[in-house]
């Protein structure tokens, strides 16, 4: 259970980082 929760948190953090990087790249291209 704890391991599954740790995996979920790690995947969520990776997703948040990817989305923020994507938004930053798009903003950089638009500017």
Foldseek 3Di string as FASTA:
>chain_A
DVVVVVVVVVVVVVVVVVVVVVVVVVVVVVD
